Amino acid sequence: MDVKSRHHLRSDEVDAIQSAVRDALGVEIDGESFERVSFTDDPREVVLVDGDPAVVYVDDEPFLTVQGANAFPPERRIVTVDAGAVSFVSNGADVMRPGIVEADEAIEEGDLVVVAEETHGKVLAVGRALVDGAEMLGDSGKVVESIHHVGDELFEFSV
């Protein structure tokens, strides 16, 4: 990922990001420095918090990256998968019902969500819910579309 531009954010921009993430995930993002980065080869923009890519803009909505969600563990919009789903989700596969062991029932179709593994609670991916949280457990069907996962270009990005 080639950096096109990088600039420090004003306090009102930081407040807007913190507020959006707090409302969505119930977590406070803490940091000394916030920088917004855009890329020449990727339409997404990232916010570096103290140098780490903690926030990504998805359709103009700030949301935690995988690294951000592991640094600032969310309290809401969590979909938990079993050990059998870990390798698939980590490789960018969409999340299927049979692999889900728990889902936040407050999730609504279209929400951005984090996908975590059940053993240690580590976040593996960020995705978009295709159904409400109450409908996620079951025997078949795709329920979360993967947007960003462990090992992808965004995950590997560093400055």
Protein backbone atom coordinates (compact mmCIF):
# COMPACT_ATOMS: atom_id res chain seq x y z
CA MET A 1 0.00 0.00 0.00
CA ASP A 2 1.54 3.24 -1.17
CA VAL A 3 0.81 6.30 0.95
CA LYS A 4 -0.69 9.16 -1.05
CA SER A 5 -1.12 11.61 1.82
CA ARG A 6 -0.76 11.70 5.57
CA HIS A 7 -1.82 14.48 7.91
CA HIS A 8 -2.48 15.07 11.60
CA LEU A 9 -6.13 15.40 12.56
CA ARG A 10 -7.65 18.40 14.31
CA SER A 11 -9.22 17.83 17.71
CA ASP A 12 -12.77 18.09 16.30
CA GLU A 13 -11.94 15.36 13.73
CA VAL A 14 -10.51 13.16 16.51
CA ASP A 15 -13.63 13.78 18.61
CA ALA A 16 -15.87 12.72 15.70
CA ILE A 17 -13.93 9.48 15.22
CA GLN A 18 -13.91 8.70 18.94
CA SER A 19 -17.64 9.40 19.17
CA ALA A 20 -18.49 7.19 16.17
CA VAL A 21 -16.44 4.27 17.48
CA ARG A 22 -17.83 4.72 21.01
CA ASP A 23 -21.41 4.68 19.68
CA ALA A 24 -20.83 1.64 17.47
CA LEU A 25 -18.60 -0.50 19.67
CA GLY A 26 -18.79 0.93 23.20
CA VAL A 27 -15.04 1.50 23.36
CA GLU A 28 -12.82 4.54 23.95
CA ILE A 29 -9.91 5.08 21.58
CA ASP A 30 -7.04 6.62 23.47
CA GLY A 31 -3.93 8.10 21.95
CA GLU A 32 -1.55 11.01 21.79
CA SER A 33 -1.42 11.36 18.00
CA PHE A 34 -4.05 10.81 15.32
CA GLU A 35 -3.07 10.88 11.62
CA ARG A 36 -5.26 10.22 8.59
CA VAL A 37 -3.60 8.29 5.75
CA SER A 38 -4.87 7.84 2.20
CA PHE A 39 -3.38 5.50 -0.37
CA THR A 40 -2.69 5.63 -4.09
CA ASP A 41 -3.72 1.99 -4.63
CA ASP A 42 -6.59 1.53 -2.13
CA PRO A 43 -9.76 3.63 -1.72
CA ARG A 44 -9.85 3.11 2.05
CA GLU A 45 -8.42 5.66 4.44
CA VAL A 46 -6.83 4.75 7.75
CA VAL A 47 -6.34 6.65 10.98
CA LEU A 48 -3.08 5.96 12.76
CA VAL A 49 -3.35 6.20 16.52
CA ASP A 50 0.12 6.65 17.97
CA GLY A 51 1.50 5.27 14.69
CA ASP A 52 -0.66 2.13 14.53
CA PRO A 53 -3.50 1.65 12.00
CA ALA A 54 -6.39 1.59 14.46
CA VAL A 55 -9.31 2.98 12.44
CA VAL A 56 -10.42 2.42 8.85
CA TYR A 57 -13.09 4.33 6.97
CA VAL A 58 -15.64 1.96 5.44
CA ASP A 59 -18.14 3.84 3.26
CA ASP A 60 -17.23 7.05 5.12
CA GLU A 61 -17.88 5.40 8.50
CA PRO A 62 -14.93 5.19 10.92
CA PHE A 63 -14.57 1.72 12.40
CA LEU A 64 -11.79 -0.18 14.16
CA THR A 65 -9.29 -2.17 12.11
CA VAL A 66 -8.36 -5.68 13.26
CA GLN A 67 -5.34 -4.17 15.05
CA GLY A 68 -7.51 -1.42 16.53
CA ALA A 69 -10.09 -3.91 17.81
CA ASN A 70 -7.35 -5.98 19.44
CA ALA A 71 -5.82 -2.87 21.03
CA PHE A 72 -9.19 -1.42 22.10
CA PRO A 73 -11.47 -4.48 22.61
CA PRO A 74 -15.08 -3.73 21.57
CA GLU A 75 -18.03 -4.32 23.85
CA ARG A 76 -20.67 -4.46 21.09
CA ARG A 77 -21.16 -5.68 17.51
CA ILE A 78 -19.10 -8.80 18.14
CA VAL A 79 -19.59 -12.03 16.22
CA THR A 80 -17.71 -14.95 17.81
CA VAL A 81 -16.62 -17.94 15.73
CA ASP A 82 -15.44 -21.41 16.73
CA ALA A 83 -11.96 -22.85 16.14
CA GLY A 84 -13.08 -24.51 12.91
CA ALA A 85 -13.86 -21.14 11.32
CA VAL A 86 -10.62 -19.40 12.35
CA SER A 87 -8.49 -20.39 9.35
CA PHE A 88 -11.24 -19.48 6.87
CA VAL A 89 -12.01 -16.09 8.45
CA SER A 90 -8.28 -15.33 8.79
CA ASN A 91 -7.90 -15.90 5.05
CA GLY A 92 -10.70 -13.47 4.19
CA ALA A 93 -13.65 -15.81 3.84
CA ASP A 94 -17.12 -14.51 4.60
CA VAL A 95 -18.56 -15.80 7.88
CA MET A 96 -21.05 -18.65 7.63
CA ARG A 97 -23.72 -19.56 10.22
CA PRO A 98 -22.30 -22.97 11.21
CA GLY A 99 -19.06 -21.37 12.48
CA ILE A 100 -20.75 -18.86 14.77
CA VAL A 101 -21.03 -19.61 18.47
CA GLU A 102 -22.31 -16.21 19.60
CA ALA A 103 -23.48 -12.92 18.08
CA ASP A 104 -24.53 -9.63 19.64
CA GLU A 105 -28.32 -9.58 19.25
CA ALA A 106 -28.26 -5.78 18.87
CA ILE A 107 -26.47 -6.14 15.51
CA GLU A 108 -28.68 -4.99 12.64
CA GLU A 109 -28.37 -6.00 9.00
CA GLY A 110 -25.85 -3.66 7.35
CA ASP A 111 -23.90 -2.89 10.55
CA LEU A 112 -20.14 -3.14 10.57
CA VAL A 113 -19.05 -5.87 13.00
CA VAL A 114 -15.90 -7.43 14.41
CA VAL A 115 -15.33 -11.17 14.13
CA ALA A 116 -13.49 -12.73 17.07
CA GLU A 117 -12.37 -16.26 17.85
CA GLU A 118 -13.89 -17.91 20.93
CA THR A 119 -10.78 -19.26 22.67
CA HIS A 120 -8.86 -16.04 23.32
CA GLY A 121 -11.31 -13.42 22.03
CA LYS A 122 -8.82 -12.10 19.46
CA VAL A 123 -10.36 -10.21 16.55
CA LEU A 124 -9.73 -11.86 13.18
CA ALA A 125 -11.77 -9.72 10.82
CA VAL A 126 -14.06 -6.77 10.27
CA GLY A 127 -17.15 -7.27 8.15
CA ARG A 128 -20.65 -6.15 7.28
CA ALA A 129 -23.62 -8.00 8.79
CA LEU A 130 -25.88 -9.52 6.13
CA VAL A 131 -28.58 -10.37 8.71
CA ASP A 132 -29.57 -9.19 12.19
CA GLY A 133 -27.55 -10.57 15.12
CA ALA A 134 -30.50 -12.62 16.38
CA GLU A 135 -30.53 -14.49 13.03
CA MET A 136 -26.81 -15.29 12.86
CA LEU A 137 -26.73 -18.67 14.57
CA GLY A 138 -27.93 -21.61 12.52
CA ASP A 139 -27.06 -24.40 10.13
CA SER A 140 -26.37 -22.71 6.81
CA GLY A 141 -25.86 -19.47 4.99
CA LYS A 142 -23.51 -16.51 4.80
CA VAL A 143 -24.12 -13.92 7.53
CA VAL A 144 -21.09 -11.58 7.54
CA GLU A 145 -19.30 -10.25 4.47
CA SER A 146 -15.57 -9.88 5.14
CA ILE A 147 -14.11 -6.41 4.55
CA HIS A 148 -10.73 -6.59 6.32
CA HIS A 149 -8.94 -9.54 7.93
CA VAL A 150 -5.74 -10.71 9.58
CA GLY A 151 -2.96 -10.86 6.99
CA ASP A 152 -4.54 -8.63 4.32
CA GLU A 153 -2.78 -5.53 2.94
CA LEU A 154 -4.38 -3.25 5.50
CA PHE A 155 -3.34 -5.56 8.34
CA GLU A 156 0.23 -5.67 7.02
CA PHE A 157 0.39 -1.89 6.55
CA SER A 158 2.84 -0.06 8.76
CA VAL A 159 4.62 3.27 8.55
